[in-house]
Amino acid sequence: MCWGWVSTTQEALSVSDAIMQVLSERRFADLVTVVSGAVASPTPLGAKLLIERDGAVTGTLGALALDQRVVADAQRVMNERKSQV
């Protein structure tokens, strides 16, 4: 896993560009989007994190610890092949 959050080939890509690339290449990935949160949260609503099966991560939820927990969760969900909300 690249913990700089993007692989070298994806450095310049925004999350939406990365999503379009994943879709066009028919790769497997999870997209995490913040839809609610506490008022004092450092994570803005709408923040996105794209996690690919190979461990490549694009975007951030605004806090490294949160990103790490979400990436671990997403990898578990991808391995189980079950959606989760």
N, C-alpha and C. Protein backbone atom coordinates (compact mmCIF):
# COMPACT_ATOMS: atom_id res chain seq x y z
N MET A 1 0.83 -1.16 0.00
CA MET A 1 0.00 0.00 0.00
C MET A 1 0.88 1.23 0.00
N CYS A 2 0.49 2.19 -0.75
CA CYS A 2 1.21 3.46 -0.83
C CYS A 2 0.57 4.42 0.16
N TRP A 3 1.25 4.71 1.27
CA TRP A 3 0.63 5.55 2.28
C TRP A 3 0.83 7.03 2.01
N GLY A 4 1.36 7.39 0.85
CA GLY A 4 1.36 8.77 0.42
C GLY A 4 0.02 9.07 -0.21
N TRP A 5 -0.86 8.12 -0.21
CA TRP A 5 -2.25 8.17 -0.66
C TRP A 5 -2.46 8.05 -2.14
N VAL A 6 -1.45 8.18 -2.95
CA VAL A 6 -1.62 7.94 -4.38
C VAL A 6 -0.39 7.22 -4.90
N SER A 7 -0.62 6.36 -5.86
CA SER A 7 0.54 5.72 -6.47
C SER A 7 1.20 6.75 -7.38
N THR A 8 2.43 6.51 -7.78
CA THR A 8 3.14 7.49 -8.60
C THR A 8 2.42 7.76 -9.91
N THR A 9 1.74 6.78 -10.46
CA THR A 9 1.03 7.01 -11.72
C THR A 9 -0.26 7.79 -11.51
N GLN A 10 -0.70 7.91 -10.27
CA GLN A 10 -1.95 8.62 -10.00
C GLN A 10 -1.74 9.95 -9.29
N GLU A 11 -0.51 10.37 -9.11
CA GLU A 11 -0.24 11.56 -8.31
C GLU A 11 -1.04 12.76 -8.74
N ALA A 12 -1.14 12.99 -10.01
CA ALA A 12 -1.80 14.20 -10.49
C ALA A 12 -3.32 14.05 -10.65
N LEU A 13 -3.83 12.88 -10.40
CA LEU A 13 -5.26 12.66 -10.62
C LEU A 13 -6.08 13.09 -9.42
N SER A 14 -7.19 13.73 -9.69
CA SER A 14 -8.13 14.01 -8.63
C SER A 14 -8.93 12.73 -8.37
N VAL A 15 -9.72 12.73 -7.31
CA VAL A 15 -10.53 11.55 -7.01
C VAL A 15 -11.47 11.25 -8.17
N SER A 16 -12.11 12.28 -8.74
CA SER A 16 -13.04 12.01 -9.84
C SER A 16 -12.32 11.47 -11.07
N ASP A 17 -11.11 11.95 -11.33
CA ASP A 17 -10.33 11.40 -12.44
C ASP A 17 -9.99 9.94 -12.18
N ALA A 18 -9.61 9.65 -10.94
CA ALA A 18 -9.26 8.27 -10.57
C ALA A 18 -10.49 7.36 -10.69
N ILE A 19 -11.66 7.86 -10.28
CA ILE A 19 -12.90 7.07 -10.42
C ILE A 19 -13.15 6.76 -11.88
N MET A 20 -13.03 7.76 -12.74
CA MET A 20 -13.27 7.55 -14.17
C MET A 20 -12.27 6.54 -14.74
N GLN A 21 -11.03 6.61 -14.30
CA GLN A 21 -10.02 5.66 -14.78
C GLN A 21 -10.35 4.24 -14.32
N VAL A 22 -10.73 4.09 -13.05
CA VAL A 22 -11.09 2.77 -12.52
C VAL A 22 -12.28 2.20 -13.30
N LEU A 23 -13.29 3.04 -13.54
CA LEU A 23 -14.47 2.57 -14.26
C LEU A 23 -14.13 2.20 -15.71
N SER A 24 -13.36 3.04 -16.38
CA SER A 24 -13.05 2.77 -17.78
C SER A 24 -12.19 1.51 -17.94
N GLU A 25 -11.37 1.22 -16.92
CA GLU A 25 -10.52 0.03 -16.99
C GLU A 25 -11.17 -1.17 -16.30
N ARG A 26 -12.40 -0.97 -15.82
CA ARG A 26 -13.19 -2.03 -15.19
C ARG A 26 -12.45 -2.70 -14.02
N ARG A 27 -11.78 -1.85 -13.22
CA ARG A 27 -11.06 -2.35 -12.04
C ARG A 27 -11.99 -2.33 -10.84
N PHE A 28 -11.63 -3.09 -9.82
CA PHE A 28 -12.41 -3.22 -8.60
C PHE A 28 -11.91 -2.20 -7.59
N ALA A 29 -12.84 -1.41 -6.99
CA ALA A 29 -12.45 -0.40 -6.00
C ALA A 29 -13.64 -0.07 -5.12
N ASP A 30 -13.35 0.53 -3.97
CA ASP A 30 -14.39 1.06 -3.08
C ASP A 30 -14.27 2.57 -3.06
N LEU A 31 -15.42 3.23 -3.08
CA LEU A 31 -15.46 4.68 -2.96
C LEU A 31 -16.14 5.01 -1.65
N VAL A 32 -15.45 5.77 -0.81
CA VAL A 32 -15.98 6.19 0.49
C VAL A 32 -16.30 7.67 0.38
N THR A 33 -17.52 8.04 0.77
CA THR A 33 -17.95 9.43 0.75
C THR A 33 -18.54 9.79 2.10
N VAL A 34 -18.11 10.91 2.68
CA VAL A 34 -18.65 11.37 3.95
C VAL A 34 -20.01 12.01 3.68
N VAL A 35 -21.05 11.48 4.33
CA VAL A 35 -22.41 12.00 4.12
C VAL A 35 -22.98 12.69 5.36
N SER A 36 -22.34 12.51 6.51
CA SER A 36 -22.76 13.23 7.72
C SER A 36 -21.60 13.21 8.71
N GLY A 37 -21.67 14.11 9.69
CA GLY A 37 -20.61 14.15 10.68
C GLY A 37 -20.89 15.22 11.72
N ALA A 38 -20.09 15.21 12.77
CA ALA A 38 -20.23 16.19 13.84
C ALA A 38 -19.82 17.57 13.34
N VAL A 39 -20.40 18.60 13.91
CA VAL A 39 -20.11 19.97 13.51
C VAL A 39 -18.63 20.28 13.64
N ALA A 40 -17.99 19.83 14.70
CA ALA A 40 -16.57 20.13 14.94
C ALA A 40 -15.62 19.17 14.23
N SER A 41 -16.14 18.30 13.39
CA SER A 41 -15.30 17.32 12.71
C SER A 41 -14.39 17.98 11.68
N PRO A 42 -13.13 17.51 11.58
CA PRO A 42 -12.22 18.04 10.55
C PRO A 42 -12.53 17.48 9.17
N THR A 43 -13.44 16.53 9.10
CA THR A 43 -13.78 15.89 7.83
C THR A 43 -14.96 16.59 7.18
N PRO A 44 -14.75 17.22 6.03
CA PRO A 44 -15.85 17.94 5.38
C PRO A 44 -16.85 16.98 4.73
N LEU A 45 -18.12 17.38 4.75
CA LEU A 45 -19.14 16.59 4.06
C LEU A 45 -18.76 16.51 2.58
N GLY A 46 -18.96 15.35 2.00
CA GLY A 46 -18.63 15.16 0.59
C GLY A 46 -17.19 14.72 0.35
N ALA A 47 -16.36 14.68 1.38
CA ALA A 47 -14.97 14.22 1.21
C ALA A 47 -14.99 12.79 0.67
N LYS A 48 -14.09 12.49 -0.26
CA LYS A 48 -14.07 11.18 -0.90
C LYS A 48 -12.69 10.53 -0.80
N LEU A 49 -12.73 9.21 -0.73
CA LEU A 49 -11.52 8.41 -0.68
C LEU A 49 -11.78 7.19 -1.56
N LEU A 50 -10.94 6.99 -2.56
CA LEU A 50 -11.08 5.85 -3.46
C LEU A 50 -9.99 4.85 -3.11
N ILE A 51 -10.42 3.61 -2.79
CA ILE A 51 -9.48 2.56 -2.41
C ILE A 51 -9.57 1.45 -3.46
N GLU A 52 -8.45 1.16 -4.10
CA GLU A 52 -8.44 0.12 -5.12
C GLU A 52 -7.98 -1.20 -4.51
N ARG A 53 -8.34 -2.27 -5.16
CA ARG A 53 -8.01 -3.61 -4.67
C ARG A 53 -6.51 -3.78 -4.47
N ASP A 54 -5.70 -3.14 -5.32
CA ASP A 54 -4.24 -3.30 -5.20
C ASP A 54 -3.64 -2.44 -4.09
N GLY A 55 -4.49 -1.70 -3.36
CA GLY A 55 -4.01 -0.89 -2.25
C GLY A 55 -3.79 0.57 -2.58
N ALA A 56 -3.91 0.94 -3.85
CA ALA A 56 -3.77 2.36 -4.23
C ALA A 56 -4.92 3.15 -3.62
N VAL A 57 -4.60 4.31 -3.07
CA VAL A 57 -5.60 5.16 -2.42
C VAL A 57 -5.50 6.56 -3.01
N THR A 58 -6.64 7.13 -3.38
CA THR A 58 -6.69 8.49 -3.91
C THR A 58 -7.67 9.29 -3.07
N GLY A 59 -7.28 10.48 -2.65
CA GLY A 59 -8.14 11.35 -1.87
C GLY A 59 -7.82 11.24 -0.39
N THR A 60 -8.60 11.96 0.41
CA THR A 60 -8.46 11.92 1.86
C THR A 60 -9.77 12.34 2.51
N LEU A 61 -9.98 11.86 3.70
CA LEU A 61 -11.15 12.26 4.48
C LEU A 61 -10.76 13.38 5.45
N GLY A 62 -9.51 13.79 5.40
CA GLY A 62 -9.05 14.93 6.19
C GLY A 62 -8.28 14.60 7.45
N ALA A 63 -8.22 13.33 7.81
CA ALA A 63 -7.49 12.93 9.02
C ALA A 63 -6.82 11.59 8.75
N LEU A 64 -5.51 11.52 8.91
CA LEU A 64 -4.76 10.31 8.58
C LEU A 64 -5.29 9.08 9.33
N ALA A 65 -5.58 9.23 10.62
CA ALA A 65 -6.06 8.08 11.40
C ALA A 65 -7.39 7.57 10.84
N LEU A 66 -8.27 8.49 10.47
CA LEU A 66 -9.56 8.10 9.89
C LEU A 66 -9.34 7.42 8.54
N ASP A 67 -8.48 8.01 7.71
CA ASP A 67 -8.17 7.40 6.41
C ASP A 67 -7.67 5.97 6.59
N GLN A 68 -6.77 5.76 7.54
CA GLN A 68 -6.20 4.44 7.76
C GLN A 68 -7.28 3.43 8.18
N ARG A 69 -8.19 3.84 9.09
CA ARG A 69 -9.27 2.94 9.52
C ARG A 69 -10.20 2.61 8.36
N VAL A 70 -10.52 3.62 7.57
CA VAL A 70 -11.44 3.42 6.44
C VAL A 70 -10.80 2.53 5.38
N VAL A 71 -9.52 2.72 5.11
CA VAL A 71 -8.82 1.87 4.12
C VAL A 71 -8.83 0.42 4.59
N ALA A 72 -8.54 0.19 5.86
CA ALA A 72 -8.55 -1.18 6.40
C ALA A 72 -9.94 -1.79 6.28
N ASP A 73 -10.97 -1.01 6.59
CA ASP A 73 -12.35 -1.47 6.48
C ASP A 73 -12.70 -1.80 5.03
N ALA A 74 -12.31 -0.91 4.12
CA ALA A 74 -12.62 -1.11 2.70
C ALA A 74 -11.93 -2.36 2.16
N GLN A 75 -10.70 -2.59 2.58
CA GLN A 75 -10.00 -3.79 2.11
C GLN A 75 -10.70 -5.05 2.61
N ARG A 76 -11.19 -5.01 3.85
CA ARG A 76 -11.94 -6.15 4.39
C ARG A 76 -13.23 -6.36 3.58
N VAL A 77 -13.94 -5.28 3.30
CA VAL A 77 -15.20 -5.37 2.53
C VAL A 77 -14.92 -5.90 1.13
N MET A 78 -13.85 -5.44 0.49
CA MET A 78 -13.52 -5.93 -0.86
C MET A 78 -13.19 -7.42 -0.83
N ASN A 79 -12.48 -7.86 0.20
CA ASN A 79 -12.15 -9.28 0.31
C ASN A 79 -13.39 -10.13 0.54
N GLU A 80 -14.36 -9.59 1.29
CA GLU A 80 -15.61 -10.32 1.56
C GLU A 80 -16.61 -10.18 0.41
N ARG A 81 -16.37 -9.18 -0.46
CA ARG A 81 -17.26 -8.90 -1.60
C ARG A 81 -18.69 -8.61 -1.15
N LYS A 82 -18.84 -7.83 -0.06
CA LYS A 82 -20.16 -7.43 0.43
C LYS A 82 -20.16 -5.92 0.65
N SER A 83 -21.19 -5.25 0.17
CA SER A 83 -21.33 -3.82 0.38
C SER A 83 -21.57 -3.52 1.85
N GLN A 84 -21.21 -2.32 2.25
CA GLN A 84 -21.41 -1.91 3.63
C GLN A 84 -21.67 -0.41 3.65
N VAL A 85 -22.61 0.00 4.51
CA VAL A 85 -22.91 1.43 4.66
C VAL A 85 -22.48 1.87 6.03
